[in-house]
Amino acid sequence: MKKPDFSKYPDYEELQAILEEMVSQKPQLAKLYSIGKTHEKRDIWVVEITNTQTGAAELKPAMYIDGNIHAGEVTGSVVCLYTIWYLLSGHGKDTFVTELVDKKAFYIIPRISADGAEVYLHTPYSLRSSTREYPPCDTLEGLVAEDIDGNSLILQMRIEDPDGEWKVSTQDPRLMIKREPWDTQGPFYKVFTEGIIENWDGKDVKTAPPKWGLDINRNFPANWVPEAEQRGAGPYPLSEPETRAVADFIVGHPNIGAAMAYHTTMGAILRPSCTRPDDGLPRLDVDIYKTIGQKGTELTGYPHVSTYEEYTSDKSRPLRGVFMDWLYEHMGVITFSTELWDAHVRAGNKLFSMSRMSEESQLSLLKWNDRELSGQGFVAWHGFDHPQLGRVEIGGWKSKFVLVNPPPQYLEPECHKNCLFTLYHAACLPELAVELPVGERIAPEIYRVSVCVKNKGFKPTNTSQQAIEVGRADPVKVEISGPGIEFILGKPAEEIGHLHGLPAGNMRHSGDAASKKYLEWVIRAQEGTRLSIVARSQRAGTSTAHVVLE
């Protein structure tokens, strides 16, 4: 199978062409379709992957994967593309991949914010997600980011000012550091985003509100609050066509029992909750998160952490309306959100450190840039005659593909290790199996039929305790049928509750008896009758066994 170039960030047309090409090469394993339209009417593409010869996708436990819900986080799109290629190219060659594609289903949406990504990839601008202008603003006032020196980058401007908050580092002239309260030895500078000041009064330079203020990863129903409390939340939950399409798709696919959302930039595997500590979640689910997350750490080198406990610095203002929380809290889906790439960690700085903006940390980052990128990630300060401010200097990081997304030479390794973690998560999905079917004759035309229904996966058939609590996991149902049979003991259909996963790690539900259940019927039937015994679960799939009465 042809391998795409994973050292490039494709735009919308290129991404669509790559998807069409991969799917066309493996039509028995994959199909491509749109789940809806963006604000600007672009298709939101999903690739559905499973071996159709072993059953339809909707009859199998499923993994949902997406990327690029934030416009500038285009690394997520490429990891999704890599995952599609890895599954399709590895089927029939790699035992692990083959078993996944044969027994599981994958729904992969490489790019949710397709409109915003086009702006990010084809202009100097950066934005959070949608290109819908929000909140509405009749008159724009303040500094608006623009590429005023024509180098296709929006960097920073510095201008000498005795009242400035910044000064040049004595360790590296590229670095601007904060002025200390007692510092009187200038020169000092004001530092702004490169741009133009709209409706300026000639005095203070204020930052204008963003033209594109929506954050569609704050637009989901879980813990949603209005714009005044959560920036970017939108006018109401699922107000945007992108979030509505994604939510409708997930609700319409109750076989989804695991999810991964790809973001940048931090180099960490985040998990719910965004608003509560671990002791506010079901203990079973926390154990599942920690067990699977540890595998993610081993594969990626990223720590796996509670978003609320370790990522949220201000506990009084937690993140709200987040997609990951909606998947877990409302749908009961075990979900991770990986923040891909972290140049600071590559430079030797610590994750979650409050000292990232310190002089020492910034110097480490510049040294990494010089060593690994030959200095090309930073634009040296250079003079420019600003039409409003007069003589300024412009310079700074090429942040789009250095700090926010990895430089091209680092992209494929990021894709590979994160793809593997997602696949191992998919391997933890529950898997129903009907085993040991027996039909024993106990009298003329009277038979005792027995079977063992087992969960061969790590997760329980409900996939999470939260799924039961919010009514998103129906119990396992077992049905027995055959021509002309009459039930003496037992029923044609029976709900048997949920089955725990197989023992692993420190899981508290471990135990052989908890993962299987034996069923028995006594029936009247003719010799030679062929019986079908089917076990069904929304999130653990369907399994069938047959027995001939002899």
Protein backbone atom coordinates (compact mmCIF):
# COMPACT_ATOMS: atom_id res chain seq x y z
CA MET A 1 0.00 0.00 0.00
CA LYS A 2 1.31 3.44 -0.96
CA LYS A 3 2.56 5.38 2.05
CA PRO A 4 1.61 9.07 2.27
CA ASP A 5 4.26 11.67 3.04
CA PHE A 6 4.07 12.10 6.80
CA SER A 7 6.54 14.98 6.86
CA LYS A 8 3.95 17.41 5.49
CA TYR A 9 0.82 19.10 6.81
CA PRO A 10 -1.87 18.64 4.13
CA ASP A 11 -4.54 21.25 3.47
CA TYR A 12 -8.18 20.30 2.95
CA GLU A 13 -7.93 19.21 -0.69
CA GLU A 14 -4.71 17.29 -0.08
CA LEU A 15 -6.17 15.58 2.99
CA GLN A 16 -9.28 14.53 1.07
CA ALA A 17 -7.15 13.15 -1.77
CA ILE A 18 -5.00 11.14 0.67
CA LEU A 19 -8.11 9.68 2.31
CA GLU A 20 -9.66 8.75 -1.02
CA GLU A 21 -6.44 7.13 -2.20
CA MET A 22 -5.98 5.01 0.95
CA VAL A 23 -9.60 3.87 1.06
CA SER A 24 -9.61 2.99 -2.65
CA GLN A 25 -6.68 0.63 -2.09
CA LYS A 26 -8.46 -1.30 0.70
CA PRO A 27 -12.20 -1.22 -0.10
CA GLN A 28 -12.89 -4.39 1.93
CA LEU A 29 -11.46 -2.72 5.04
CA ALA A 30 -12.38 0.95 4.78
CA LYS A 31 -14.97 3.39 3.59
CA LEU A 32 -15.02 7.17 3.50
CA TYR A 33 -18.06 9.33 4.10
CA SER A 34 -19.06 12.77 5.39
CA ILE A 35 -20.76 13.19 8.75
CA GLY A 36 -21.76 16.80 8.08
CA LYS A 37 -20.62 20.21 6.91
CA THR A 38 -18.51 22.91 8.53
CA HIS A 39 -19.51 26.57 8.85
CA GLU A 40 -18.08 27.17 5.35
CA LYS A 41 -19.75 23.98 4.00
CA ARG A 42 -16.68 21.76 3.82
CA ASP A 43 -17.25 18.07 4.44
CA ILE A 44 -16.21 16.59 7.78
CA TRP A 45 -14.74 13.28 6.62
CA VAL A 46 -14.71 10.06 8.61
CA VAL A 47 -12.93 6.85 7.67
CA GLU A 48 -14.62 3.70 8.95
CA ILE A 49 -12.25 0.75 9.24
CA THR A 50 -13.06 -2.90 9.88
CA ASN A 51 -12.77 -6.19 8.05
CA THR A 52 -16.27 -6.48 6.58
CA GLN A 53 -15.72 -10.17 5.95
CA THR A 54 -15.80 -10.74 9.73
CA GLY A 55 -18.88 -8.60 10.28
CA ALA A 56 -20.27 -5.11 9.93
CA ALA A 57 -18.70 -2.25 11.90
CA GLU A 58 -21.84 -1.57 13.93
CA LEU A 59 -21.77 -5.14 15.30
CA LYS A 60 -18.26 -4.72 16.72
CA PRO A 61 -16.83 -2.76 19.64
CA ALA A 62 -15.52 0.53 18.26
CA MET A 63 -12.80 3.10 18.81
CA TYR A 64 -13.44 6.74 17.89
CA ILE A 65 -10.44 8.92 16.96
CA ASP A 66 -10.31 12.55 15.89
CA GLY A 67 -7.88 15.41 15.40
CA ASN A 68 -7.71 19.11 14.67
CA ILE A 69 -10.77 20.28 16.61
CA HIS A 70 -8.58 23.33 17.18
CA ALA A 71 -7.67 24.94 13.88
CA GLY A 72 -3.95 25.28 14.42
CA GLU A 73 -3.38 21.84 15.92
CA VAL A 74 -2.79 20.22 12.54
CA THR A 75 -0.46 17.57 13.96
CA GLY A 76 -3.58 15.74 15.11
CA SER A 77 -4.76 15.42 11.50
CA VAL A 78 -1.52 13.81 10.46
CA VAL A 79 -1.56 11.35 13.39
CA CYS A 80 -5.07 10.35 12.29
CA LEU A 81 -3.88 9.86 8.71
CA TYR A 82 -0.95 7.81 9.96
CA THR A 83 -3.28 5.64 12.05
CA ILE A 84 -5.49 4.97 9.02
CA TRP A 85 -2.47 4.02 6.93
CA TYR A 86 -1.01 1.86 9.71
CA LEU A 87 -4.23 -0.13 10.13
CA LEU A 88 -4.85 -0.61 6.41
CA SER A 89 -1.27 -1.39 5.42
CA GLY A 90 -0.68 -3.66 8.41
CA HIS A 91 -3.75 -5.84 7.99
CA GLY A 92 -2.71 -9.30 6.90
CA LYS A 93 0.93 -8.58 7.74
CA ASP A 94 0.99 -7.59 11.40
CA THR A 95 -0.78 -9.99 13.77
CA PHE A 96 -1.73 -7.28 16.26
CA VAL A 97 -3.16 -4.99 13.58
CA THR A 98 -4.92 -7.81 11.78
CA GLU A 99 -6.72 -8.93 14.93
CA LEU A 100 -7.79 -5.37 15.68
CA VAL A 101 -9.21 -4.77 12.23
CA ASP A 102 -10.91 -8.19 12.19
CA LYS A 103 -12.56 -7.84 15.61
CA LYS A 104 -12.94 -4.09 16.16
CA ALA A 105 -14.24 -1.06 14.29
CA PHE A 106 -12.52 2.32 13.99
CA TYR A 107 -14.14 5.66 13.21
CA ILE A 108 -11.43 8.22 12.42
CA ILE A 109 -12.11 11.92 11.73
CA PRO A 110 -8.77 13.54 10.83
CA ARG A 111 -9.95 17.15 10.79
CA ILE A 112 -12.95 18.70 12.55
CA SER A 113 -12.06 22.40 12.15
CA ALA A 114 -11.50 22.18 8.42
CA ASP A 115 -12.29 25.88 7.82
CA GLY A 116 -9.95 27.11 10.50
CA ALA A 117 -7.14 24.79 9.38
CA GLU A 118 -7.27 26.32 5.90
CA VAL A 119 -6.72 29.77 7.40
CA TYR A 120 -3.91 28.43 9.59
CA LEU A 121 -2.12 26.63 6.73
CA HIS A 122 -2.56 29.25 4.00
CA THR A 123 -2.31 32.59 5.80
CA PRO A 124 -0.15 34.11 8.54
CA TYR A 125 -3.16 34.08 10.89
CA SER A 126 -3.81 31.78 13.83
CA LEU A 127 -7.22 31.06 15.31
CA ARG A 128 -8.75 28.74 17.87
CA SER A 129 -11.28 26.80 15.79
CA SER A 130 -14.19 28.01 13.64
CA THR A 131 -14.05 30.88 11.14
CA ARG A 132 -17.49 32.10 12.20
CA GLU A 133 -16.98 35.60 13.57
CA TYR A 134 -17.96 35.46 17.23
CA PRO A 135 -18.87 37.22 19.40
CA PRO A 136 -20.32 39.77 16.92
CA CYS A 137 -18.43 43.06 16.97
CA ASP A 138 -19.54 46.16 15.07
CA THR A 139 -16.45 48.27 15.76
CA LEU A 140 -13.02 46.77 16.17
CA GLU A 141 -10.67 48.64 18.44
CA GLY A 142 -7.15 47.76 19.44
CA LEU A 143 -4.16 45.86 18.10
CA VAL A 144 -5.11 43.37 15.40
CA ALA A 145 -2.54 40.74 14.42
CA GLU A 146 -1.22 41.32 10.88
CA ASP A 147 1.86 40.47 8.85
CA ILE A 148 3.01 44.03 8.38
CA ASP A 149 6.53 43.34 7.09
CA GLY A 150 5.39 40.89 4.40
CA ASN A 151 7.34 37.77 5.40
CA SER A 152 4.19 35.62 5.71
CA LEU A 153 4.62 35.41 9.48
CA ILE A 154 2.97 37.18 12.38
CA LEU A 155 5.70 37.58 14.98
CA GLN A 156 6.27 40.15 17.73
CA MET A 157 7.09 43.85 17.74
CA ARG A 158 9.28 45.57 20.28
CA ILE A 159 9.68 49.29 20.73
CA GLU A 160 11.92 51.15 23.16
CA ASP A 161 10.03 52.75 26.01
CA PRO A 162 11.38 53.83 29.42
CA ASP A 163 8.16 52.52 30.95
CA GLY A 164 8.44 49.16 29.18
CA GLU A 165 8.00 45.84 31.01
CA TRP A 166 10.69 44.04 29.04
CA LYS A 167 14.43 44.16 28.43
CA VAL A 168 16.96 42.22 26.35
CA SER A 169 18.63 39.26 28.03
CA THR A 170 22.35 39.61 28.60
CA GLN A 171 22.67 35.88 27.83
CA ASP A 172 21.14 35.98 24.34
CA PRO A 173 20.10 39.16 22.46
CA ARG A 174 17.16 37.32 20.87
CA LEU A 175 15.49 36.79 24.21
CA MET A 176 13.23 39.32 25.89
CA ILE A 177 12.92 38.94 29.66
CA LYS A 178 10.64 40.54 32.23
CA ARG A 179 11.89 43.71 33.90
CA GLU A 180 12.42 43.32 37.63
CA PRO A 181 10.65 45.84 39.96
CA TRP A 182 13.98 47.35 41.07
CA ASP A 183 15.55 47.44 37.60
CA THR A 184 16.45 50.94 36.37
CA GLN A 185 19.18 50.08 33.86
CA GLY A 186 17.58 50.07 30.39
CA PRO A 187 16.94 50.09 27.62
CA PHE A 188 13.41 48.84 28.25
CA TYR A 189 10.81 47.81 25.71
CA LYS A 190 7.12 47.41 25.11
CA VAL A 191 6.39 44.12 23.35
CA PHE A 192 3.31 43.55 21.19
CA THR A 193 1.98 41.09 18.65
CA GLU A 194 2.91 42.18 15.14
CA GLY A 195 -0.05 44.09 13.74
CA ILE A 196 -2.07 47.23 13.13
CA ILE A 197 -3.95 49.27 15.74
CA GLU A 198 -7.57 49.82 14.75
CA ASN A 199 -9.22 53.10 15.80
CA TRP A 200 -6.17 54.07 17.82
CA ASP A 201 -6.26 57.21 19.92
CA GLY A 202 -2.48 57.56 19.73
CA LYS A 203 -2.00 56.62 23.38
CA ASP A 204 -2.33 53.18 24.96
CA VAL A 205 -2.04 50.10 22.76
CA LYS A 206 -4.73 47.62 23.71
CA THR A 207 -5.30 44.18 22.22
CA ALA A 208 -8.43 43.94 20.10
CA PRO A 209 -10.88 41.10 20.81
CA PRO A 210 -10.32 38.13 18.49
CA LYS A 211 -12.21 38.13 15.22
CA TRP A 212 -12.69 34.37 15.52
CA GLY A 213 -13.44 33.90 19.20
CA LEU A 214 -15.17 30.53 19.13
CA ASP A 215 -13.55 27.52 20.75
CA ILE A 216 -15.65 24.58 19.65
CA ASN A 217 -13.94 22.42 22.26
CA ARG A 218 -15.88 24.48 24.81
CA ASN A 219 -19.19 24.04 22.95
CA PHE A 220 -20.19 20.57 24.19
CA PRO A 221 -22.99 20.02 26.74
CA ALA A 222 -20.87 18.66 29.62
CA ASN A 223 -20.55 21.43 32.24
CA TRP A 224 -21.26 24.07 29.59
CA VAL A 225 -21.45 27.68 30.79
CA PRO A 226 -22.02 30.94 28.86
CA GLU A 227 -19.33 33.02 27.22
CA ALA A 228 -19.01 35.29 30.27
CA GLU A 229 -17.73 32.31 32.28
CA GLN A 230 -15.98 30.28 29.58
CA ARG A 231 -14.31 32.06 26.70
CA GLY A 232 -15.20 30.57 23.33
CA ALA A 233 -18.22 28.61 24.62
CA GLY A 234 -20.58 29.84 21.92
CA PRO A 235 -24.21 30.92 22.37
CA TYR A 236 -25.46 27.49 23.52
CA PRO A 237 -24.22 23.86 23.63
CA LEU A 238 -23.70 22.28 20.18
CA SER A 239 -24.50 25.59 18.49
CA GLU A 240 -21.85 25.02 15.84
CA PRO A 241 -22.29 22.71 12.84
CA GLU A 242 -19.00 20.94 13.57
CA THR A 243 -19.86 20.06 17.17
CA ARG A 244 -23.40 19.08 16.25
CA ALA A 245 -22.18 16.75 13.51
CA VAL A 246 -19.66 15.05 15.79
CA ALA A 247 -22.16 14.65 18.65
CA ASP A 248 -24.85 13.25 16.33
CA PHE A 249 -22.36 10.77 14.89
CA ILE A 250 -21.27 9.49 18.30
CA VAL A 251 -24.81 9.21 19.64
CA GLY A 252 -25.73 7.32 16.46
CA HIS A 253 -22.93 4.78 17.05
CA PRO A 254 -23.57 3.21 20.45
CA ASN A 255 -20.85 0.62 19.77
CA ILE A 256 -18.21 3.30 20.52
CA GLY A 257 -16.57 2.35 23.81
CA ALA A 258 -13.23 4.13 23.56
CA ALA A 259 -12.05 7.47 22.19
CA MET A 260 -8.96 9.53 21.50
CA ALA A 261 -8.89 13.25 20.68
CA TYR A 262 -5.60 14.67 19.38
CA HIS A 263 -4.46 18.18 20.30
CA THR A 264 -1.21 20.14 20.63
CA THR A 265 0.93 21.29 22.36
CA MET A 266 2.27 20.03 25.66
CA GLY A 267 3.42 16.42 25.39
CA ALA A 268 0.94 14.87 27.81
CA ILE A 269 -1.94 12.39 27.87
CA LEU A 270 -4.91 14.08 29.51
CA ARG A 271 -7.97 12.31 30.88
CA PRO A 272 -11.22 13.36 32.53
CA SER A 273 -12.36 15.05 34.47
CA CYS A 274 -11.84 18.71 33.64
CA THR A 275 -13.99 19.79 36.56
CA ARG A 276 -13.55 17.11 39.28
CA PRO A 277 -10.69 15.30 41.01
CA ASP A 278 -10.26 11.54 40.75
CA ASP A 279 -12.08 10.89 44.00
CA GLY A 280 -15.21 12.36 42.40
CA LEU A 281 -15.22 9.67 39.68
CA PRO A 282 -16.15 5.98 39.89
CA ARG A 283 -13.15 4.08 41.24
CA LEU A 284 -13.41 1.44 38.51
CA ASP A 285 -13.12 4.08 35.81
CA VAL A 286 -10.12 5.74 37.43
CA ASP A 287 -8.40 2.34 37.58
CA ILE A 288 -9.15 1.78 33.89
CA TYR A 289 -7.78 5.22 33.01
CA LYS A 290 -4.60 4.71 34.98
CA THR A 291 -3.95 1.21 33.62
CA ILE A 292 -4.39 2.20 29.98
CA GLY A 293 -2.71 5.57 30.50
CA GLN A 294 0.41 3.89 31.87
CA LYS A 295 0.75 2.01 28.58
CA GLY A 296 0.49 5.35 26.83
CA THR A 297 3.34 6.71 28.91
CA GLU A 298 5.50 3.69 28.10
CA LEU A 299 4.87 4.10 24.35
CA THR A 300 4.99 7.88 23.99
CA GLY A 301 7.07 9.11 26.89
CA TYR A 302 4.19 11.46 27.78
CA PRO A 303 2.87 11.45 31.36
CA HIS A 304 -0.81 10.52 31.77
CA VAL A 305 -2.59 12.94 34.07
CA SER A 306 -5.94 14.08 35.36
CA THR A 307 -6.85 17.30 33.57
CA TYR A 308 -8.37 18.82 36.70
CA GLU A 309 -5.75 17.69 39.18
CA GLU A 310 -2.53 18.32 37.26
CA TYR A 311 -3.29 20.47 34.20
CA THR A 312 -5.75 23.02 35.61
CA SER A 313 -3.81 25.66 37.53
CA ASP A 314 -6.85 27.66 38.71
CA LYS A 315 -9.28 25.15 40.23
CA SER A 316 -11.89 27.89 40.60
CA ARG A 317 -12.10 28.21 36.81
CA PRO A 318 -11.91 24.70 35.35
CA LEU A 319 -12.37 24.05 31.63
CA ARG A 320 -16.03 23.65 30.72
CA GLY A 321 -17.93 22.39 27.70
CA VAL A 322 -15.01 20.14 26.74
CA PHE A 323 -15.50 17.32 24.24
CA MET A 324 -13.53 14.80 26.31
CA ASP A 325 -15.76 15.41 29.34
CA TRP A 326 -18.92 15.10 27.25
CA LEU A 327 -17.74 11.74 25.87
CA TYR A 328 -17.05 10.42 29.34
CA GLU A 329 -19.65 12.11 31.54
CA HIS A 330 -22.64 11.98 29.17
CA MET A 331 -21.78 8.97 27.01
CA GLY A 332 -19.71 6.86 29.40
CA VAL A 333 -16.88 6.48 26.88
CA ILE A 334 -13.34 6.10 28.25
CA THR A 335 -11.59 8.98 26.51
CA PHE A 336 -8.07 10.36 26.39
CA SER A 337 -6.96 13.67 24.93
CA THR A 338 -3.32 13.64 23.92
CA GLU A 339 -1.49 16.95 23.67
CA LEU A 340 1.04 16.14 20.98
CA TRP A 341 4.53 17.59 20.81
CA ASP A 342 6.36 19.81 23.27
CA ALA A 343 9.41 21.75 22.17
CA HIS A 344 10.01 22.86 25.75
CA VAL A 345 10.41 19.28 26.96
CA ARG A 346 12.63 18.52 23.97
CA ALA A 347 14.79 21.42 25.13
CA GLY A 348 15.09 19.89 28.59
CA ASN A 349 12.46 21.91 30.44
CA LYS A 350 9.93 20.34 32.77
CA LEU A 351 6.32 19.64 31.90
CA PHE A 352 3.73 21.75 33.77
CA SER A 353 6.50 23.95 35.12
CA MET A 354 5.50 27.49 36.06
CA SER A 355 9.04 28.52 35.12
CA ARG A 356 8.61 27.90 31.39
CA MET A 357 8.77 31.63 30.76
CA SER A 358 11.85 32.03 32.93
CA GLU A 359 15.06 33.20 31.36
CA GLU A 360 16.68 29.82 31.96
CA SER A 361 13.89 27.89 30.25
CA GLN A 362 13.74 30.25 27.29
CA LEU A 363 17.51 30.05 26.85
CA SER A 364 17.26 26.24 26.78
CA LEU A 365 14.62 26.53 24.06
CA LEU A 366 16.81 28.82 21.98
CA LYS A 367 19.77 26.44 22.37
CA TRP A 368 17.59 23.56 21.19
CA ASN A 369 16.56 25.65 18.19
CA ASP A 370 20.19 26.36 17.34
CA ARG A 371 21.24 22.74 17.83
CA GLU A 372 18.34 20.91 16.19
CA LEU A 373 16.92 23.44 13.72
CA SER A 374 20.09 25.34 12.83
CA GLY A 375 18.50 28.42 14.34
CA GLN A 376 15.72 28.51 11.74
CA GLY A 377 12.86 28.42 14.25
CA PHE A 378 13.48 31.98 15.43
CA VAL A 379 13.44 35.15 13.31
CA ALA A 380 16.08 37.65 14.43
CA TRP A 381 14.89 41.09 15.45
CA HIS A 382 15.03 43.53 12.54
CA GLY A 383 14.03 47.14 12.11
CA PHE A 384 10.75 48.21 10.47
CA ASP A 385 8.92 51.52 10.06
CA HIS A 386 5.49 50.89 11.50
CA PRO A 387 2.80 53.15 9.97
CA GLN A 388 1.49 54.09 13.43
CA LEU A 389 4.23 53.41 15.99
CA GLY A 390 7.20 54.59 13.97
CA ARG A 391 10.46 52.66 14.18
CA VAL A 392 9.98 49.21 15.73
CA GLU A 393 11.78 45.88 15.62
CA ILE A 394 10.05 42.69 14.51
CA GLY A 395 11.15 39.16 15.41
CA GLY A 396 10.35 36.06 17.40
CA TRP A 397 9.44 32.41 17.11
CA LYS A 398 7.99 30.79 14.01
CA SER A 399 5.57 29.30 16.46
CA LYS A 400 3.18 27.53 14.06
CA PHE A 401 5.59 24.76 13.11
CA VAL A 402 8.12 24.93 15.92
CA LEU A 403 6.25 25.48 19.17
CA VAL A 404 2.64 24.55 18.33
CA ASN A 405 3.35 21.79 15.81
CA PRO A 406 6.59 19.86 15.31
CA PRO A 407 8.99 20.78 12.53
CA PRO A 408 8.49 18.38 9.59
CA GLN A 409 11.42 16.13 10.49
CA TYR A 410 9.84 15.39 13.88
CA LEU A 411 6.34 14.74 12.59
CA GLU A 412 6.37 11.03 11.65
CA PRO A 413 7.94 9.84 14.92
CA GLU A 414 5.18 11.72 16.78
CA CYS A 415 2.61 9.99 14.59
CA HIS A 416 4.01 6.50 15.12
CA LYS A 417 4.25 6.40 18.89
CA ASN A 418 0.86 8.03 19.42
CA CYS A 419 -0.79 5.76 16.87
CA LEU A 420 0.49 2.75 18.80
CA PHE A 421 -0.99 4.02 22.07
CA THR A 422 -4.39 4.49 20.46
CA LEU A 423 -4.29 0.98 19.03
CA TYR A 424 -3.41 -0.50 22.40
CA HIS A 425 -6.35 1.37 23.86
CA ALA A 426 -8.57 -0.17 21.17
CA ALA A 427 -7.20 -3.61 22.10
CA CYS A 428 -8.63 -3.06 25.60
CA LEU A 429 -12.22 -2.90 24.34
CA PRO A 430 -14.54 -5.65 25.56
CA GLU A 431 -15.07 -8.68 23.33
CA LEU A 432 -18.03 -11.00 23.67
CA ALA A 433 -17.54 -14.69 22.96
CA VAL A 434 -20.00 -17.58 23.09
CA GLU A 435 -18.00 -20.66 24.06
CA LEU A 436 -18.49 -24.34 24.94
CA PRO A 437 -21.92 -24.86 23.35
CA VAL A 438 -23.25 -28.32 24.30
CA GLY A 439 -26.52 -30.09 23.45
CA GLU A 440 -27.03 -33.17 25.63
CA ARG A 441 -29.92 -35.61 25.08
CA ILE A 442 -31.56 -36.41 28.44
CA ALA A 443 -34.74 -38.13 27.13
CA PRO A 444 -36.38 -38.78 23.77
CA GLU A 445 -36.57 -35.40 22.02
CA ILE A 446 -35.53 -33.65 25.26
CA TYR A 447 -32.18 -31.86 25.35
CA ARG A 448 -30.19 -29.88 27.87
CA VAL A 449 -28.33 -27.05 26.11
CA SER A 450 -25.56 -25.13 27.86
CA VAL A 451 -23.17 -22.37 26.88
CA CYS A 452 -20.60 -20.01 28.38
CA VAL A 453 -20.83 -16.31 27.51
CA LYS A 454 -17.51 -14.62 28.15
CA ASN A 455 -15.93 -11.18 27.93
CA LYS A 456 -12.44 -11.71 26.51
CA GLY A 457 -11.48 -8.03 26.68
CA PHE A 458 -9.95 -5.88 29.39
CA LYS A 459 -12.80 -3.39 29.75
CA PRO A 460 -16.17 -4.53 31.09
CA THR A 461 -18.96 -4.94 28.56
CA ASN A 462 -20.35 -1.58 29.68
CA THR A 463 -16.82 -0.11 29.13
CA SER A 464 -17.19 2.17 32.17
CA GLN A 465 -19.20 2.50 35.35
CA GLN A 466 -20.18 5.95 34.15
CA ALA A 467 -21.93 4.38 31.13
CA ILE A 468 -24.25 2.47 33.47
CA GLU A 469 -24.90 5.51 35.64
CA VAL A 470 -25.98 7.63 32.65
CA GLY A 471 -27.92 4.84 30.93
CA ARG A 472 -25.62 4.43 27.94
CA ALA A 473 -24.85 0.70 28.26
CA ASP A 474 -27.56 -1.90 27.77
CA PRO A 475 -26.96 -5.27 29.46
CA VAL A 476 -25.71 -8.25 27.50
CA LYS A 477 -28.56 -10.12 25.83
CA VAL A 478 -28.41 -13.82 24.90
CA GLU A 479 -30.85 -15.43 22.44
CA ILE A 480 -31.28 -19.07 21.44
CA SER A 481 -33.24 -20.13 18.38
CA GLY A 482 -33.88 -23.11 16.15
CA PRO A 483 -36.67 -24.58 14.03
CA GLY A 484 -39.56 -26.15 15.93
CA ILE A 485 -38.03 -25.94 19.42
CA GLU A 486 -40.13 -25.78 22.58
CA PHE A 487 -38.76 -24.40 25.84
CA ILE A 488 -39.22 -26.49 28.96
CA LEU A 489 -36.70 -24.57 31.08
CA GLY A 490 -35.31 -21.17 30.19
CA LYS A 491 -36.36 -18.40 27.80
CA PRO A 492 -35.64 -17.69 24.13
CA ALA A 493 -34.02 -14.39 25.13
CA GLU A 494 -32.43 -13.35 28.40
CA GLU A 495 -30.55 -10.34 29.71
CA ILE A 496 -27.55 -11.37 31.79
CA GLY A 497 -26.29 -7.99 32.97
CA HIS A 498 -22.71 -6.93 32.31
CA LEU A 499 -19.52 -8.97 32.32
CA HIS A 500 -16.34 -7.68 33.90
CA GLY A 501 -13.12 -7.59 31.96
CA LEU A 502 -10.36 -10.13 32.28
CA PRO A 503 -7.89 -9.61 35.16
CA ALA A 504 -5.12 -7.11 34.48
CA GLY A 505 -3.01 -4.69 36.47
CA ASN A 506 -4.57 -3.50 39.71
CA MET A 507 -8.17 -3.67 38.52
CA ARG A 508 -10.51 -4.14 41.44
CA HIS A 509 -13.10 -6.10 39.45
CA SER A 510 -10.60 -8.83 38.55
CA GLY A 511 -11.80 -12.37 38.97
CA ASP A 512 -12.50 -15.29 36.69
CA ALA A 513 -16.16 -15.67 37.65
CA ALA A 514 -16.92 -12.03 36.93
CA SER A 515 -15.93 -12.19 33.28
CA LYS A 516 -18.13 -15.12 32.23
CA LYS A 517 -21.57 -16.54 32.79
CA TYR A 518 -22.94 -20.03 32.14
CA LEU A 519 -26.46 -20.44 30.78
CA GLU A 520 -28.62 -23.53 30.42
CA TRP A 521 -31.89 -24.42 28.72
CA VAL A 522 -33.99 -27.56 28.52
CA ILE A 523 -35.85 -27.85 25.24
CA ARG A 524 -37.93 -30.26 23.20
CA ALA A 525 -36.65 -30.60 19.65
CA GLN A 526 -36.08 -33.07 16.86
CA GLU A 527 -32.75 -34.85 16.54
CA GLY A 528 -30.52 -33.04 14.09
CA THR A 529 -31.95 -29.60 14.91
CA ARG A 530 -29.40 -26.86 14.51
CA LEU A 531 -29.51 -24.22 17.24
CA SER A 532 -28.06 -20.70 17.11
CA ILE A 533 -26.96 -18.99 20.31
CA VAL A 534 -26.24 -15.26 19.94
CA ALA A 535 -24.85 -12.89 22.57
CA ARG A 536 -25.20 -9.17 21.88
CA SER A 537 -23.84 -6.08 23.56
CA GLN A 538 -23.83 -2.50 22.33
CA ARG A 539 -20.20 -1.99 23.22
CA ALA A 540 -18.80 -5.53 23.31
CA GLY A 541 -20.05 -6.69 19.94
CA THR A 542 -21.93 -9.79 18.83
CA SER A 543 -20.88 -13.42 19.03
CA THR A 544 -22.67 -16.50 17.69
CA ALA A 545 -22.26 -20.22 18.32
CA HIS A 546 -24.11 -23.20 16.85
CA VAL A 547 -24.90 -26.64 18.17
CA VAL A 548 -26.53 -29.59 16.41
CA LEU A 549 -28.70 -31.84 18.59
CA GLU A 550 -27.57 -35.43 18.12
